Amino acid sequence: QGLPFKLKLTLTDVNTCEPLSNISVDIWQCDAGGHYSGVGDGQPIESDKGTFLRGIQMTDNNGKTEFMTIFPGWYSPRTTHIHIQSHLGGRTLHTGQLYFSEKLVSRIARSYPYNNTKTRRQTNEEDWLFRDFKGSESVVKRIKTMRGNRIGNGLVGEIVIGLDPNEDSKQAHH
């Protein structure tokens, strides 16, 4: 359950501004209640075969890929975010998180099923990762409604991410 959310990504080379094709992009996020698939109390659950709200797509010749998901929830002590990793061959080029404006998250937090979450929502500025790793540069700012002008119909978010295909991620998760 949750608000439908289409995430459109464009990956470009920071050196040439050219699109980066054939990049593997992984995303993962919590559900509307703040829970991840395959994780319990922050530890992997070996018996949980669930892979909800996790996905991998390849960028096309224009450096574009998209994911159909839901708008993520939150958990303590984190703000609302989506994890992202980009890979080229066996290398991890980028590890990061995508964030959302406080105004948007606050509006969504008042709607079902997000309003059933018992965990206090952290703002972007309260989140140490957002503050310490320049999260303001990873806010998905281009967001529109899917159909009509009603947020309940779902949202489409677009972001362009510049990567250096010659550098490896300093925060790579293996």
Protein backbone atom coordinates (compact mmCIF):
# COMPACT_ATOMS: atom_id res chain seq x y z
CA GLN A 1 0.00 0.00 0.00
CA GLY A 2 1.07 3.52 -0.66
CA LEU A 3 0.92 6.42 -3.08
CA PRO A 4 1.97 5.30 -6.60
CA PHE A 5 5.29 6.87 -7.52
CA LYS A 6 7.16 6.69 -10.82
CA LEU A 7 10.83 7.59 -10.42
CA LYS A 8 12.52 8.71 -13.65
CA LEU A 9 16.31 8.89 -13.58
CA THR A 10 18.76 10.28 -16.11
CA LEU A 11 22.44 9.51 -15.57
CA THR A 12 25.02 11.73 -17.24
CA ASP A 13 28.81 11.87 -17.35
CA VAL A 14 29.94 14.84 -15.21
CA ASN A 15 32.97 15.31 -17.47
CA THR A 16 31.18 15.44 -20.83
CA CYS A 17 27.46 15.92 -19.95
CA GLU A 18 26.78 12.95 -22.25
CA PRO A 19 24.22 10.32 -21.21
CA LEU A 20 25.55 7.19 -19.50
CA SER A 21 24.07 4.09 -21.11
CA ASN A 22 24.14 0.49 -19.87
CA ILE A 23 24.50 1.52 -16.24
CA SER A 24 22.83 -0.82 -13.76
CA VAL A 25 20.77 1.19 -11.27
CA ASP A 26 19.56 -0.38 -8.02
CA ILE A 27 16.99 1.24 -5.77
CA TRP A 28 15.53 0.11 -2.47
CA GLN A 29 13.25 1.79 0.01
CA CYS A 30 10.96 1.21 2.94
CA ASP A 31 7.21 0.82 2.59
CA ALA A 32 4.64 3.38 3.76
CA GLY A 33 5.01 2.05 7.33
CA GLY A 34 8.80 2.39 7.40
CA HIS A 35 9.67 -1.30 6.86
CA TYR A 36 12.19 -2.82 4.43
CA SER A 37 11.84 -6.21 2.82
CA GLY A 38 14.31 -8.78 4.11
CA VAL A 39 15.24 -6.72 7.19
CA GLY A 40 14.02 -6.92 10.79
CA ASP A 41 15.32 -4.66 13.54
CA GLY A 42 18.06 -3.53 11.17
CA GLN A 43 19.34 -7.08 10.57
CA PRO A 44 18.79 -9.29 7.50
CA ILE A 45 16.04 -11.89 7.86
CA GLU A 46 17.25 -15.09 6.25
CA SER A 47 13.79 -16.66 6.10
CA ASP A 48 12.17 -13.59 4.51
CA LYS A 49 12.09 -14.10 0.76
CA GLY A 50 10.42 -10.74 0.25
CA THR A 51 11.94 -8.30 -2.18
CA PHE A 52 9.26 -5.64 -2.17
CA LEU A 53 10.31 -2.10 -3.06
CA ARG A 54 13.65 -3.21 -4.46
CA GLY A 55 14.56 -3.10 -8.13
CA ILE A 56 17.28 -2.99 -10.76
CA GLN A 57 17.06 -1.35 -14.18
CA MET A 58 19.57 -0.56 -16.90
CA THR A 59 19.89 2.91 -18.40
CA ASP A 60 19.04 3.19 -22.09
CA ASN A 61 21.06 4.96 -24.81
CA ASN A 62 19.83 8.31 -23.44
CA GLY A 63 20.99 7.49 -19.89
CA LYS A 64 17.38 7.08 -18.76
CA THR A 65 15.63 4.49 -16.63
CA GLU A 66 12.49 4.47 -14.53
CA PHE A 67 10.98 2.57 -11.64
CA MET A 68 7.31 2.18 -10.74
CA THR A 69 7.12 2.05 -6.96
CA ILE A 70 5.32 3.83 -4.12
CA PHE A 71 6.28 6.98 -2.31
CA PRO A 72 8.50 5.82 0.57
CA GLY A 73 7.60 6.07 4.23
CA TRP A 74 10.06 6.79 7.04
CA TYR A 75 11.57 5.29 10.17
CA SER A 76 13.52 6.65 13.10
CA PRO A 77 16.02 8.31 12.94
CA ARG A 78 15.85 8.85 9.14
CA THR A 79 14.02 11.25 6.87
CA THR A 80 12.06 10.01 3.85
CA HIS A 81 14.48 8.70 1.21
CA ILE A 82 15.20 6.14 -1.51
CA HIS A 83 18.56 4.35 -1.63
CA ILE A 84 20.32 4.23 -4.99
CA GLN A 85 23.43 2.55 -6.36
CA SER A 86 24.80 2.69 -9.89
CA HIS A 87 27.10 0.03 -11.34
CA LEU A 88 29.21 -0.28 -14.48
CA GLY A 89 30.58 -3.77 -14.99
CA GLY A 90 31.74 -4.97 -11.60
CA ARG A 91 32.32 -1.44 -10.28
CA THR A 92 30.05 0.69 -8.11
CA LEU A 93 30.09 4.24 -9.49
CA HIS A 94 27.66 5.84 -7.09
CA THR A 95 26.00 5.13 -3.77
CA GLY A 96 23.56 7.64 -2.44
CA GLN A 97 20.05 8.52 -1.43
CA LEU A 98 17.29 10.54 -3.01
CA TYR A 99 15.24 12.88 -0.85
CA PHE A 100 12.04 14.92 -1.13
CA SER A 101 10.94 18.40 -0.12
CA GLU A 102 9.53 18.82 3.37
CA LYS A 103 6.39 20.40 1.95
CA LEU A 104 5.64 17.33 -0.20
CA VAL A 105 6.44 14.76 2.50
CA SER A 106 4.36 16.64 5.06
CA ARG A 107 1.39 16.62 2.69
CA ILE A 108 1.73 12.90 1.95
CA ALA A 109 2.22 12.08 5.66
CA ARG A 110 -1.34 13.25 6.33
CA SER A 111 -2.81 10.68 3.91
CA TYR A 112 -3.51 6.97 4.29
CA PRO A 113 -1.55 4.70 4.85
CA TYR A 114 1.28 7.06 5.85
CA ASN A 115 -0.85 8.64 8.58
CA ASN A 116 -0.98 5.26 10.38
CA THR A 117 2.79 5.30 10.97
CA LYS A 118 3.55 5.53 14.68
CA THR A 119 7.16 6.63 14.20
CA ARG A 120 7.84 10.35 14.45
CA ARG A 121 8.87 11.67 11.05
CA GLN A 122 12.33 13.20 10.89
CA THR A 123 12.76 16.29 8.75
CA ASN A 124 15.57 16.50 6.23
CA GLU A 125 17.52 18.87 8.47
CA GLU A 126 17.17 16.50 11.45
CA ASP A 127 18.65 13.61 9.48
CA TRP A 128 22.44 13.41 10.00
CA LEU A 129 23.03 11.71 6.61
CA PHE A 130 21.08 14.41 4.81
CA ARG A 131 23.09 17.12 6.60
CA ASP A 132 26.53 15.49 6.45
CA PHE A 133 26.39 14.23 2.85
CA LYS A 134 24.83 17.22 1.08
CA GLY A 135 21.35 15.72 0.83
CA SER A 136 20.00 19.01 -0.45
CA GLU A 137 21.79 18.21 -3.73
CA SER A 138 19.81 14.95 -4.01
CA VAL A 139 16.29 16.25 -3.50
CA VAL A 140 13.93 15.14 -6.29
CA LYS A 141 12.55 18.57 -7.18
CA ARG A 142 10.75 17.84 -10.44
CA ILE A 143 7.58 16.15 -9.20
CA LYS A 144 4.15 16.26 -10.81
CA THR A 145 0.88 14.36 -10.45
CA MET A 146 0.37 11.30 -12.67
CA ARG A 147 -3.16 12.06 -13.85
CA GLY A 148 -5.05 15.27 -13.40
CA ASN A 149 -4.12 17.56 -10.57
CA ARG A 150 -4.88 15.18 -7.70
CA ILE A 151 -1.92 13.94 -5.62
CA GLY A 152 -3.88 10.79 -4.69
CA ASN A 153 -3.61 9.61 -8.32
CA GLY A 154 0.13 9.20 -7.86
CA LEU A 155 3.28 11.17 -8.55
CA VAL A 156 6.06 11.21 -11.12
CA GLY A 157 9.49 12.40 -9.96
CA GLU A 158 12.44 13.14 -12.23
CA ILE A 159 16.07 13.77 -11.38
CA VAL A 160 19.32 14.01 -13.36
CA ILE A 161 22.35 12.51 -11.64
CA GLY A 162 25.87 13.32 -12.79
CA LEU A 163 28.42 10.54 -12.34
CA ASP A 164 32.08 10.15 -13.14
CA PRO A 165 32.34 6.79 -14.94
CA ASN A 166 36.07 6.71 -14.13
CA GLU A 167 35.60 6.93 -10.35
CA ASP A 168 34.34 4.36 -7.87
CA SER A 169 31.88 5.16 -5.11
CA LYS A 170 33.51 5.99 -1.79
CA GLN A 171 30.46 4.65 0.07
CA ALA A 172 29.93 1.48 -1.96
CA HIS A 173 27.95 -1.31 -0.26
CA HIS A 174 29.07 -4.78 -1.26
